[in-house]
Amino acid sequence: MKGKSLLALLLVAWCISASAATQLKIVTARGVVSFVADDDWTVLSMQTKPPVAAVVFQLLNAADQGTPHSTNLILKLFDNSTTARDGFEAPVQQRGATPASVETMEGWRVWRQTARQGDSVYTILDAKRDRVADVAASVRLAWPHLPANTKRYDADMEARFRAFLRSIDGQVGPRTSVSGEMVRRPVP
């Protein structure tokens, strides 16, 4: 394997709590990045090959049934290649009429903005952090403000975003197996 590339390996580890969540791991060139996804999140896309590994989830929301809208969370891992680093270092694109506000959350730099897509307004949170294991990481959570959303939906999404950021952990060094761990390799 090339030292600078991400190893195309996804490890589905184990259910880690009673809240029905699964720890996932992506092995990088010199380490591993783990994160926790709720079991009811649908995987829309997964790319584990360098220079940018990415996983796209759709989060369950009964209010978006029968609409063109959905709540999505994207995690990207950028290796140290010039192409990947340029993508990571690119400014967060302004999506709406108002520039994004910037804050620090859980050790991440976070851009918060709203934008219209079709007939709905979305909240978009973009987070970036350098040095997660041997890669840089970005996370985007976008959710629509739908009439049928629960009253707590915005607060729930904020909490999920913070929890997801907290769950991301990187380790440099050889990966160690964990009892009960299930290894899944992408089909070539």
N, C-alpha and C. Protein backbone atom coordinates (compact mmCIF):
# COMPACT_ATOMS: atom_id res chain seq x y z
N MET A 1 0.84 -1.19 0.00
CA MET A 1 0.00 0.00 0.00
C MET A 1 0.87 1.24 0.00
N LYS A 2 0.44 2.26 -0.68
CA LYS A 2 1.17 3.52 -0.72
C LYS A 2 0.99 4.24 0.60
N GLY A 3 2.10 4.78 1.12
CA GLY A 3 2.09 5.45 2.41
C GLY A 3 1.24 6.70 2.46
N LYS A 4 1.05 7.38 1.32
CA LYS A 4 0.31 8.64 1.31
C LYS A 4 -1.17 8.48 1.01
N SER A 5 -1.61 7.30 0.73
CA SER A 5 -3.01 7.14 0.36
C SER A 5 -3.82 6.58 1.51
N LEU A 6 -5.10 6.84 1.47
CA LEU A 6 -6.02 6.26 2.45
C LEU A 6 -6.28 4.82 2.06
N LEU A 7 -6.23 3.95 3.00
CA LEU A 7 -6.53 2.55 2.75
C LEU A 7 -8.04 2.40 2.63
N ALA A 8 -8.47 1.75 1.56
CA ALA A 8 -9.91 1.60 1.31
C ALA A 8 -10.45 0.49 2.19
N LEU A 9 -10.67 0.84 3.42
CA LEU A 9 -11.15 -0.15 4.37
C LEU A 9 -12.11 0.53 5.34
N LEU A 10 -13.26 0.00 5.48
CA LEU A 10 -14.24 0.53 6.43
C LEU A 10 -14.48 -0.55 7.46
N LEU A 11 -14.36 -0.18 8.69
CA LEU A 11 -14.57 -1.13 9.76
C LEU A 11 -15.87 -0.81 10.48
N VAL A 12 -16.78 -1.73 10.45
CA VAL A 12 -18.00 -1.56 11.20
C VAL A 12 -17.73 -2.25 12.53
N ALA A 13 -17.58 -1.47 13.56
CA ALA A 13 -17.05 -1.99 14.80
C ALA A 13 -18.10 -2.68 15.67
N TRP A 14 -18.91 -1.95 16.32
CA TRP A 14 -19.86 -2.57 17.21
C TRP A 14 -20.88 -1.52 17.68
N CYS A 15 -22.00 -1.99 18.14
CA CYS A 15 -22.95 -1.05 18.74
C CYS A 15 -22.34 -0.58 20.05
N ILE A 16 -22.28 0.72 20.24
CA ILE A 16 -21.56 1.23 21.40
C ILE A 16 -22.46 1.73 22.52
N SER A 17 -23.75 1.78 22.28
CA SER A 17 -24.62 2.23 23.36
C SER A 17 -26.04 1.74 23.11
N ALA A 18 -26.86 1.95 24.10
CA ALA A 18 -28.26 1.54 23.97
C ALA A 18 -29.02 2.43 22.99
N SER A 19 -28.41 3.55 22.58
CA SER A 19 -29.09 4.44 21.65
C SER A 19 -28.99 3.97 20.21
N ALA A 20 -28.56 2.75 20.00
CA ALA A 20 -28.48 2.15 18.67
C ALA A 20 -27.60 2.97 17.74
N ALA A 21 -26.34 3.06 18.11
CA ALA A 21 -25.36 3.74 17.27
C ALA A 21 -24.24 2.77 16.95
N THR A 22 -23.57 3.01 15.84
CA THR A 22 -22.50 2.13 15.39
C THR A 22 -21.23 2.95 15.21
N GLN A 23 -20.13 2.44 15.73
CA GLN A 23 -18.85 3.08 15.50
C GLN A 23 -18.30 2.56 14.18
N LEU A 24 -17.92 3.50 13.32
CA LEU A 24 -17.32 3.17 12.03
C LEU A 24 -15.89 3.68 12.04
N LYS A 25 -15.02 3.01 11.29
CA LYS A 25 -13.62 3.43 11.20
C LYS A 25 -13.20 3.42 9.74
N ILE A 26 -12.42 4.42 9.39
CA ILE A 26 -11.78 4.45 8.08
C ILE A 26 -10.28 4.46 8.33
N VAL A 27 -9.60 3.47 7.78
CA VAL A 27 -8.16 3.36 7.95
C VAL A 27 -7.49 4.30 6.96
N THR A 28 -6.56 5.11 7.46
CA THR A 28 -5.82 6.06 6.64
C THR A 28 -4.42 5.50 6.37
N ALA A 29 -3.59 6.27 5.68
CA ALA A 29 -2.25 5.81 5.34
C ALA A 29 -1.41 5.49 6.58
N ARG A 30 -1.58 6.27 7.63
CA ARG A 30 -0.76 6.06 8.83
C ARG A 30 -1.57 5.93 10.11
N GLY A 31 -2.87 5.67 10.01
CA GLY A 31 -3.67 5.57 11.21
C GLY A 31 -5.10 5.17 10.92
N VAL A 32 -6.00 5.64 11.78
CA VAL A 32 -7.41 5.32 11.64
C VAL A 32 -8.24 6.48 12.18
N VAL A 33 -9.37 6.75 11.53
CA VAL A 33 -10.33 7.75 12.00
C VAL A 33 -11.63 7.02 12.29
N SER A 34 -12.15 7.19 13.50
CA SER A 34 -13.41 6.56 13.88
C SER A 34 -14.46 7.63 14.12
N PHE A 35 -15.72 7.24 13.98
CA PHE A 35 -16.84 8.14 14.21
C PHE A 35 -18.07 7.29 14.50
N VAL A 36 -19.09 7.91 15.05
CA VAL A 36 -20.30 7.20 15.44
C VAL A 36 -21.47 7.69 14.61
N ALA A 37 -22.21 6.75 14.01
CA ALA A 37 -23.41 7.05 13.23
C ALA A 37 -24.59 6.33 13.86
N ASP A 38 -25.72 7.00 13.91
CA ASP A 38 -26.93 6.35 14.42
C ASP A 38 -27.34 5.24 13.45
N ASP A 39 -27.91 4.18 13.97
CA ASP A 39 -28.29 3.04 13.14
C ASP A 39 -29.40 3.36 12.15
N ASP A 40 -30.17 4.43 12.38
CA ASP A 40 -31.24 4.75 11.44
C ASP A 40 -30.79 5.73 10.34
N TRP A 41 -29.50 6.06 10.30
CA TRP A 41 -28.98 6.90 9.23
C TRP A 41 -28.77 6.03 7.99
N THR A 42 -29.24 6.48 6.85
CA THR A 42 -29.05 5.76 5.60
C THR A 42 -27.74 6.22 4.95
N VAL A 43 -26.92 5.27 4.54
CA VAL A 43 -25.70 5.61 3.82
C VAL A 43 -26.07 5.85 2.36
N LEU A 44 -25.93 7.09 1.91
CA LEU A 44 -26.25 7.43 0.52
C LEU A 44 -25.05 7.22 -0.38
N SER A 45 -23.85 7.41 0.17
CA SER A 45 -22.63 7.29 -0.62
C SER A 45 -21.46 7.04 0.31
N MET A 46 -20.51 6.24 -0.16
CA MET A 46 -19.29 6.04 0.59
C MET A 46 -18.14 5.90 -0.38
N GLN A 47 -17.13 6.73 -0.18
CA GLN A 47 -15.92 6.72 -0.99
C GLN A 47 -14.74 6.63 -0.04
N THR A 48 -14.05 5.50 -0.01
CA THR A 48 -12.94 5.34 0.93
C THR A 48 -11.58 5.45 0.27
N LYS A 49 -11.55 5.73 -1.02
CA LYS A 49 -10.28 5.83 -1.74
C LYS A 49 -9.77 7.26 -1.72
N PRO A 50 -8.44 7.42 -1.66
CA PRO A 50 -7.85 8.76 -1.65
C PRO A 50 -8.01 9.46 -2.99
N PRO A 51 -7.85 10.74 -3.03
CA PRO A 51 -7.28 11.57 -1.98
C PRO A 51 -8.30 12.06 -0.95
N VAL A 52 -9.61 11.91 -1.24
CA VAL A 52 -10.64 12.35 -0.29
C VAL A 52 -11.59 11.19 -0.04
N ALA A 53 -11.62 10.72 1.19
CA ALA A 53 -12.60 9.71 1.59
C ALA A 53 -13.84 10.46 2.05
N ALA A 54 -15.02 9.94 1.74
CA ALA A 54 -16.25 10.64 2.12
C ALA A 54 -17.36 9.65 2.37
N VAL A 55 -18.20 9.97 3.35
CA VAL A 55 -19.41 9.21 3.59
C VAL A 55 -20.56 10.20 3.72
N VAL A 56 -21.67 9.90 3.04
CA VAL A 56 -22.84 10.77 3.05
C VAL A 56 -23.99 9.98 3.67
N PHE A 57 -24.58 10.56 4.70
CA PHE A 57 -25.72 9.95 5.39
C PHE A 57 -26.97 10.79 5.18
N GLN A 58 -28.12 10.13 5.11
CA GLN A 58 -29.40 10.82 5.20
C GLN A 58 -29.96 10.47 6.57
N LEU A 59 -30.29 11.49 7.35
CA LEU A 59 -30.82 11.29 8.69
C LEU A 59 -32.34 11.21 8.62
N LEU A 60 -32.89 10.26 9.33
CA LEU A 60 -34.32 10.01 9.34
C LEU A 60 -35.09 11.23 9.86
N ASN A 61 -36.09 11.66 9.10
CA ASN A 61 -36.98 12.75 9.51
C ASN A 61 -38.35 12.48 8.89
N ALA A 62 -39.32 12.12 9.71
CA ALA A 62 -40.66 11.81 9.20
C ALA A 62 -41.26 12.99 8.44
N ALA A 63 -40.86 14.21 8.78
CA ALA A 63 -41.43 15.41 8.14
C ALA A 63 -41.04 15.55 6.68
N ASP A 64 -39.98 14.89 6.26
CA ASP A 64 -39.57 15.06 4.85
C ASP A 64 -40.17 13.99 3.93
N GLN A 65 -40.94 13.06 4.48
CA GLN A 65 -41.59 12.04 3.66
C GLN A 65 -42.47 12.70 2.61
N GLY A 66 -42.32 12.31 1.35
CA GLY A 66 -43.13 12.86 0.28
C GLY A 66 -42.71 14.24 -0.19
N THR A 67 -41.57 14.72 0.31
CA THR A 67 -41.05 16.02 -0.14
C THR A 67 -39.71 15.77 -0.84
N PRO A 68 -39.21 16.76 -1.56
CA PRO A 68 -37.89 16.61 -2.17
C PRO A 68 -36.76 16.96 -1.20
N HIS A 69 -37.07 17.17 0.07
CA HIS A 69 -36.09 17.64 1.05
C HIS A 69 -35.62 16.50 1.95
N SER A 70 -34.40 16.67 2.49
CA SER A 70 -33.88 15.68 3.44
C SER A 70 -32.79 16.31 4.28
N THR A 71 -32.54 15.68 5.41
CA THR A 71 -31.45 16.07 6.30
C THR A 71 -30.26 15.19 5.97
N ASN A 72 -29.13 15.82 5.69
CA ASN A 72 -27.94 15.07 5.28
C ASN A 72 -26.73 15.47 6.10
N LEU A 73 -25.88 14.48 6.37
CA LEU A 73 -24.62 14.70 7.06
C LEU A 73 -23.52 14.10 6.20
N ILE A 74 -22.45 14.86 5.99
CA ILE A 74 -21.33 14.43 5.15
C ILE A 74 -20.05 14.54 5.96
N LEU A 75 -19.26 13.49 5.96
CA LEU A 75 -17.92 13.50 6.55
C LEU A 75 -16.93 13.29 5.42
N LYS A 76 -15.91 14.16 5.34
CA LYS A 76 -14.83 14.00 4.36
C LYS A 76 -13.50 13.97 5.09
N LEU A 77 -12.63 13.07 4.64
CA LEU A 77 -11.27 12.97 5.17
C LEU A 77 -10.31 13.26 4.02
N PHE A 78 -9.43 14.22 4.20
CA PHE A 78 -8.52 14.70 3.17
C PHE A 78 -7.09 14.23 3.49
N ASP A 79 -6.47 13.48 2.57
CA ASP A 79 -5.09 13.07 2.79
C ASP A 79 -4.17 14.27 2.57
N ASN A 80 -2.86 14.04 2.58
CA ASN A 80 -1.92 15.15 2.49
C ASN A 80 -1.49 15.49 1.07
N SER A 81 -2.16 14.96 0.07
CA SER A 81 -1.83 15.31 -1.31
C SER A 81 -2.24 16.76 -1.58
N THR A 82 -1.61 17.36 -2.56
CA THR A 82 -1.92 18.75 -2.91
C THR A 82 -3.38 18.90 -3.29
N THR A 83 -3.90 17.97 -4.08
CA THR A 83 -5.30 18.03 -4.51
C THR A 83 -6.25 18.03 -3.32
N ALA A 84 -6.02 17.12 -2.40
CA ALA A 84 -6.89 17.02 -1.23
C ALA A 84 -6.75 18.24 -0.33
N ARG A 85 -5.53 18.67 -0.08
CA ARG A 85 -5.32 19.81 0.81
C ARG A 85 -5.95 21.09 0.22
N ASP A 86 -5.86 21.25 -1.10
CA ASP A 86 -6.51 22.40 -1.72
C ASP A 86 -8.01 22.37 -1.48
N GLY A 87 -8.61 21.19 -1.56
CA GLY A 87 -10.04 21.05 -1.29
C GLY A 87 -10.39 21.38 0.15
N PHE A 88 -9.57 20.90 1.07
CA PHE A 88 -9.82 21.16 2.49
C PHE A 88 -9.66 22.64 2.82
N GLU A 89 -8.65 23.26 2.24
CA GLU A 89 -8.35 24.66 2.58
C GLU A 89 -9.21 25.67 1.82
N ALA A 90 -10.00 25.21 0.84
CA ALA A 90 -10.87 26.13 0.11
C ALA A 90 -11.88 26.75 1.09
N PRO A 91 -12.19 28.02 0.89
CA PRO A 91 -13.16 28.67 1.78
C PRO A 91 -14.54 27.99 1.70
N VAL A 92 -15.26 28.03 2.79
CA VAL A 92 -16.63 27.52 2.80
C VAL A 92 -17.47 28.47 1.94
N GLN A 93 -18.18 27.89 1.00
CA GLN A 93 -18.97 28.68 0.06
C GLN A 93 -20.19 29.28 0.74
N GLN A 94 -20.44 30.55 0.48
CA GLN A 94 -21.64 31.20 0.99
C GLN A 94 -22.83 30.68 0.19
N ARG A 95 -23.83 30.14 0.88
CA ARG A 95 -24.99 29.54 0.22
C ARG A 95 -26.20 30.45 0.18
N GLY A 96 -26.35 31.31 1.15
CA GLY A 96 -27.52 32.18 1.21
C GLY A 96 -27.14 33.64 1.00
N ALA A 97 -28.08 34.53 1.27
CA ALA A 97 -27.86 35.96 1.08
C ALA A 97 -26.94 36.55 2.15
N THR A 98 -26.89 35.92 3.32
CA THR A 98 -26.10 36.42 4.43
C THR A 98 -24.85 35.57 4.61
N PRO A 99 -23.69 36.19 4.79
CA PRO A 99 -22.47 35.41 5.01
C PRO A 99 -22.60 34.53 6.25
N ALA A 100 -21.89 33.43 6.24
CA ALA A 100 -21.90 32.50 7.37
C ALA A 100 -21.26 33.13 8.60
N SER A 101 -21.80 32.81 9.77
CA SER A 101 -21.13 33.18 11.01
C SER A 101 -20.12 32.08 11.31
N VAL A 102 -19.05 32.43 12.01
CA VAL A 102 -17.98 31.47 12.29
C VAL A 102 -17.80 31.36 13.80
N GLU A 103 -17.66 30.13 14.27
CA GLU A 103 -17.46 29.89 15.70
C GLU A 103 -16.56 28.67 15.88
N THR A 104 -16.17 28.42 17.10
CA THR A 104 -15.41 27.22 17.43
C THR A 104 -16.31 26.32 18.27
N MET A 105 -16.32 25.04 17.91
CA MET A 105 -17.19 24.08 18.59
C MET A 105 -16.44 22.75 18.71
N GLU A 106 -16.26 22.30 19.93
CA GLU A 106 -15.64 20.99 20.16
C GLU A 106 -14.27 20.87 19.48
N GLY A 107 -13.53 21.97 19.39
CA GLY A 107 -12.22 21.96 18.74
C GLY A 107 -12.27 22.09 17.22
N TRP A 108 -13.44 22.30 16.67
CA TRP A 108 -13.64 22.45 15.23
C TRP A 108 -13.95 23.91 14.93
N ARG A 109 -13.59 24.38 13.76
CA ARG A 109 -14.03 25.69 13.27
C ARG A 109 -15.33 25.44 12.51
N VAL A 110 -16.39 26.17 12.87
CA VAL A 110 -17.73 25.90 12.33
C VAL A 110 -18.29 27.15 11.66
N TRP A 111 -18.81 26.97 10.44
CA TRP A 111 -19.50 28.01 9.70
C TRP A 111 -20.99 27.68 9.74
N ARG A 112 -21.80 28.65 10.13
CA ARG A 112 -23.26 28.48 10.26
C ARG A 112 -23.95 29.44 9.30
N GLN A 113 -24.86 28.88 8.48
CA GLN A 113 -25.59 29.74 7.53
C GLN A 113 -26.94 29.12 7.21
N THR A 114 -27.79 29.94 6.62
CA THR A 114 -29.07 29.45 6.11
C THR A 114 -29.14 29.78 4.63
N ALA A 115 -29.86 28.92 3.91
CA ALA A 115 -30.02 29.12 2.47
C ALA A 115 -31.33 28.49 2.03
N ARG A 116 -31.87 28.99 0.98
CA ARG A 116 -33.12 28.46 0.42
C ARG A 116 -32.79 27.43 -0.64
N GLN A 117 -33.49 26.31 -0.57
CA GLN A 117 -33.44 25.30 -1.63
C GLN A 117 -34.89 25.00 -1.98
N GLY A 118 -35.28 25.34 -3.19
CA GLY A 118 -36.68 25.17 -3.57
C GLY A 118 -37.56 26.01 -2.68
N ASP A 119 -38.56 25.36 -2.08
CA ASP A 119 -39.52 26.09 -1.24
C ASP A 119 -39.17 26.03 0.25
N SER A 120 -37.98 25.56 0.60
CA SER A 120 -37.60 25.45 2.01
C SER A 120 -36.29 26.14 2.32
N VAL A 121 -36.20 26.63 3.54
CA VAL A 121 -34.96 27.18 4.06
C VAL A 121 -34.23 26.06 4.79
N TYR A 122 -32.93 25.98 4.57
CA TYR A 122 -32.07 25.00 5.23
C TYR A 122 -31.11 25.70 6.18
N THR A 123 -30.81 25.06 7.29
CA THR A 123 -29.66 25.44 8.11
C THR A 123 -28.51 24.56 7.66
N ILE A 124 -27.35 25.17 7.47
CA ILE A 124 -26.17 24.45 7.02
C ILE A 124 -25.04 24.73 8.00
N LEU A 125 -24.50 23.66 8.57
CA LEU A 125 -23.35 23.77 9.46
C LEU A 125 -22.17 23.06 8.79
N ASP A 126 -21.08 23.78 8.58
CA ASP A 126 -19.85 23.21 8.03
C ASP A 126 -18.78 23.30 9.10
N ALA A 127 -18.09 22.20 9.36
CA ALA A 127 -17.02 22.18 10.35
C ALA A 127 -15.74 21.64 9.70
N LYS A 128 -14.60 22.19 10.11
CA LYS A 128 -13.31 21.73 9.61
C LYS A 128 -12.34 21.60 10.79
N ARG A 129 -11.51 20.56 10.69
CA ARG A 129 -10.45 20.36 11.69
C ARG A 129 -9.27 19.70 11.01
N ASP A 130 -8.12 20.28 11.20
CA ASP A 130 -6.89 19.69 10.69
C ASP A 130 -6.38 18.69 11.71
N ARG A 131 -5.60 17.75 11.27
CA ARG A 131 -4.94 16.79 12.15
C ARG A 131 -5.90 15.89 12.92
N VAL A 132 -6.65 15.13 12.20
CA VAL A 132 -7.42 14.03 12.77
C VAL A 132 -6.68 12.79 12.28
N ALA A 133 -5.94 12.16 13.17
CA ALA A 133 -4.96 11.13 12.78
C ALA A 133 -4.00 11.81 11.81
N ASP A 134 -3.84 11.28 10.60
CA ASP A 134 -2.91 11.86 9.63
C ASP A 134 -3.65 12.55 8.49
N VAL A 135 -4.90 12.91 8.69
CA VAL A 135 -5.72 13.55 7.67
C VAL A 135 -6.38 14.80 8.25
N ALA A 136 -6.98 15.60 7.38
CA ALA A 136 -7.83 16.71 7.80
C ALA A 136 -9.27 16.25 7.59
N ALA A 137 -10.20 16.83 8.33
CA ALA A 137 -11.60 16.38 8.25
C ALA A 137 -12.53 17.57 8.11
N SER A 138 -13.64 17.33 7.40
CA SER A 138 -14.72 18.31 7.35
C SER A 138 -16.04 17.56 7.53
N VAL A 139 -16.99 18.26 8.12
CA VAL A 139 -18.33 17.71 8.35
C VAL A 139 -19.33 18.77 7.92
N ARG A 140 -20.37 18.34 7.22
CA ARG A 140 -21.48 19.23 6.88
C ARG A 140 -22.77 18.57 7.32
N LEU A 141 -23.60 19.31 8.05
CA LEU A 141 -24.96 18.90 8.37
C LEU A 141 -25.89 19.96 7.81
N ALA A 142 -26.85 19.53 7.00
CA ALA A 142 -27.83 20.45 6.42
C ALA A 142 -29.22 19.88 6.64
N TRP A 143 -30.12 20.71 7.16
CA TRP A 143 -31.48 20.24 7.38
C TRP A 143 -32.50 21.30 6.98
N PRO A 144 -33.64 20.83 6.46
CA PRO A 144 -34.68 21.76 6.02
C PRO A 144 -35.59 22.17 7.18
N HIS A 145 -36.11 23.36 7.08
CA HIS A 145 -37.11 23.85 8.04
C HIS A 145 -38.48 23.57 7.41
N LEU A 146 -39.04 22.43 7.75
CA LEU A 146 -40.31 21.99 7.16
C LEU A 146 -41.45 22.22 8.14
N PRO A 147 -42.64 22.51 7.63
CA PRO A 147 -43.80 22.74 8.52
C PRO A 147 -44.07 21.57 9.46
N ALA A 148 -43.80 20.35 9.01
CA ALA A 148 -44.09 19.18 9.83
C ALA A 148 -42.94 18.77 10.77
N ASN A 149 -41.82 19.52 10.75
CA ASN A 149 -40.74 19.22 11.70
C ASN A 149 -41.27 19.32 13.12
N THR A 150 -40.72 18.51 14.00
CA THR A 150 -41.08 18.63 15.41
C THR A 150 -40.59 19.97 15.93
N LYS A 151 -41.15 20.42 17.02
CA LYS A 151 -40.75 21.70 17.61
C LYS A 151 -39.29 21.68 18.05
N ARG A 152 -38.78 20.51 18.36
CA ARG A 152 -37.39 20.38 18.83
C ARG A 152 -36.42 20.02 17.71
N TYR A 153 -36.87 19.98 16.47
CA TYR A 153 -36.00 19.47 15.40
C TYR A 153 -34.70 20.26 15.27
N ASP A 154 -34.77 21.58 15.27
CA ASP A 154 -33.54 22.38 15.17
C ASP A 154 -32.60 22.08 16.33
N ALA A 155 -33.13 22.05 17.54
CA ALA A 155 -32.30 21.76 18.71
C ALA A 155 -31.73 20.34 18.64
N ASP A 156 -32.53 19.40 18.16
CA ASP A 156 -32.05 18.02 18.01
C ASP A 156 -30.91 17.94 16.99
N MET A 157 -31.03 18.68 15.89
CA MET A 157 -29.97 18.67 14.88
C MET A 157 -28.69 19.29 15.41
N GLU A 158 -28.83 20.37 16.16
CA GLU A 158 -27.65 21.00 16.80
C GLU A 158 -26.97 20.00 17.72
N ALA A 159 -27.75 19.28 18.52
CA ALA A 159 -27.19 18.29 19.45
C ALA A 159 -26.53 17.14 18.69
N ARG A 160 -27.17 16.68 17.63
CA ARG A 160 -26.58 15.59 16.83
C ARG A 160 -25.27 16.03 16.20
N PHE A 161 -25.22 17.27 15.71
CA PHE A 161 -24.00 17.79 15.11
C PHE A 161 -22.87 17.80 16.13
N ARG A 162 -23.14 18.33 17.32
CA ARG A 162 -22.12 18.35 18.37
C ARG A 162 -21.69 16.93 18.75
N ALA A 163 -22.64 16.04 18.88
CA ALA A 163 -22.31 14.65 19.24
C ALA A 163 -21.47 13.99 18.15
N PHE A 164 -21.81 14.25 16.89
CA PHE A 164 -21.04 13.66 15.80
C PHE A 164 -19.61 14.20 15.82
N LEU A 165 -19.45 15.50 15.99
CA LEU A 165 -18.10 16.07 16.06
C LEU A 165 -17.31 15.46 17.21
N ARG A 166 -17.94 15.32 18.37
CA ARG A 166 -17.27 14.70 19.53
C ARG A 166 -16.88 13.26 19.26
N SER A 167 -17.65 12.57 18.43
CA SER A 167 -17.39 11.15 18.19
C SER A 167 -16.21 10.90 17.27
N ILE A 168 -15.80 11.92 16.52
CA ILE A 168 -14.71 11.74 15.56
C ILE A 168 -13.38 11.71 16.31
N ASP A 169 -12.66 10.61 16.12
CA ASP A 169 -11.40 10.42 16.82
C ASP A 169 -10.37 9.86 15.85
N GLY A 170 -9.17 10.35 15.92
CA GLY A 170 -8.12 9.85 15.04
C GLY A 170 -6.94 9.33 15.83
N GLN A 171 -6.37 8.24 15.35
CA GLN A 171 -5.20 7.64 15.97
C GLN A 171 -4.16 7.39 14.88
N VAL A 172 -2.91 7.71 15.16
CA VAL A 172 -1.82 7.40 14.25
C VAL A 172 -1.14 6.14 14.78
N GLY A 173 -0.76 5.27 13.88
CA GLY A 173 -0.11 4.01 14.25
C GLY A 173 -0.89 2.84 13.71
N PRO A 174 -0.38 1.65 13.95
CA PRO A 174 -1.07 0.47 13.42
C PRO A 174 -2.44 0.29 14.07
N ARG A 175 -3.39 -0.17 13.28
CA ARG A 175 -4.74 -0.42 13.77
C ARG A 175 -4.74 -1.72 14.57
N THR A 176 -5.38 -1.68 15.71
CA THR A 176 -5.52 -2.88 16.51
C THR A 176 -6.95 -3.38 16.40
N SER A 177 -7.10 -4.68 16.29
CA SER A 177 -8.44 -5.28 16.20
C SER A 177 -9.11 -5.25 17.56
N VAL A 178 -10.42 -5.14 17.51
CA VAL A 178 -11.24 -5.14 18.71
C VAL A 178 -12.14 -6.36 18.65
N SER A 179 -12.32 -7.03 19.77
CA SER A 179 -13.18 -8.20 19.81
C SER A 179 -14.58 -7.87 19.29
N GLY A 180 -15.09 -8.68 18.40
CA GLY A 180 -16.43 -8.49 17.85
C GLY A 180 -16.48 -7.54 16.67
N GLU A 181 -15.33 -7.00 16.28
CA GLU A 181 -15.28 -6.06 15.17
C GLU A 181 -15.53 -6.78 13.84
N MET A 182 -16.27 -6.15 12.96
CA MET A 182 -16.56 -6.70 11.65
C MET A 182 -15.87 -5.83 10.61
N VAL A 183 -15.04 -6.42 9.76
CA VAL A 183 -14.31 -5.68 8.74
C VAL A 183 -15.03 -5.85 7.41
N ARG A 184 -15.32 -4.74 6.75
CA ARG A 184 -15.95 -4.75 5.44
C ARG A 184 -15.01 -4.02 4.48
N ARG A 185 -14.67 -4.66 3.39
CA ARG A 185 -13.83 -4.01 2.37
C ARG A 185 -14.70 -3.70 1.17
N PRO A 186 -14.48 -2.51 0.58
CA PRO A 186 -15.25 -2.17 -0.61
C PRO A 186 -14.95 -3.13 -1.76
N VAL A 187 -15.91 -3.35 -2.59
CA VAL A 187 -15.73 -4.21 -3.76
C VAL A 187 -14.92 -3.40 -4.79
N PRO A 188 -13.83 -3.99 -5.35
CA PRO A 188 -13.00 -3.23 -6.30
C PRO A 188 -13.73 -2.87 -7.57
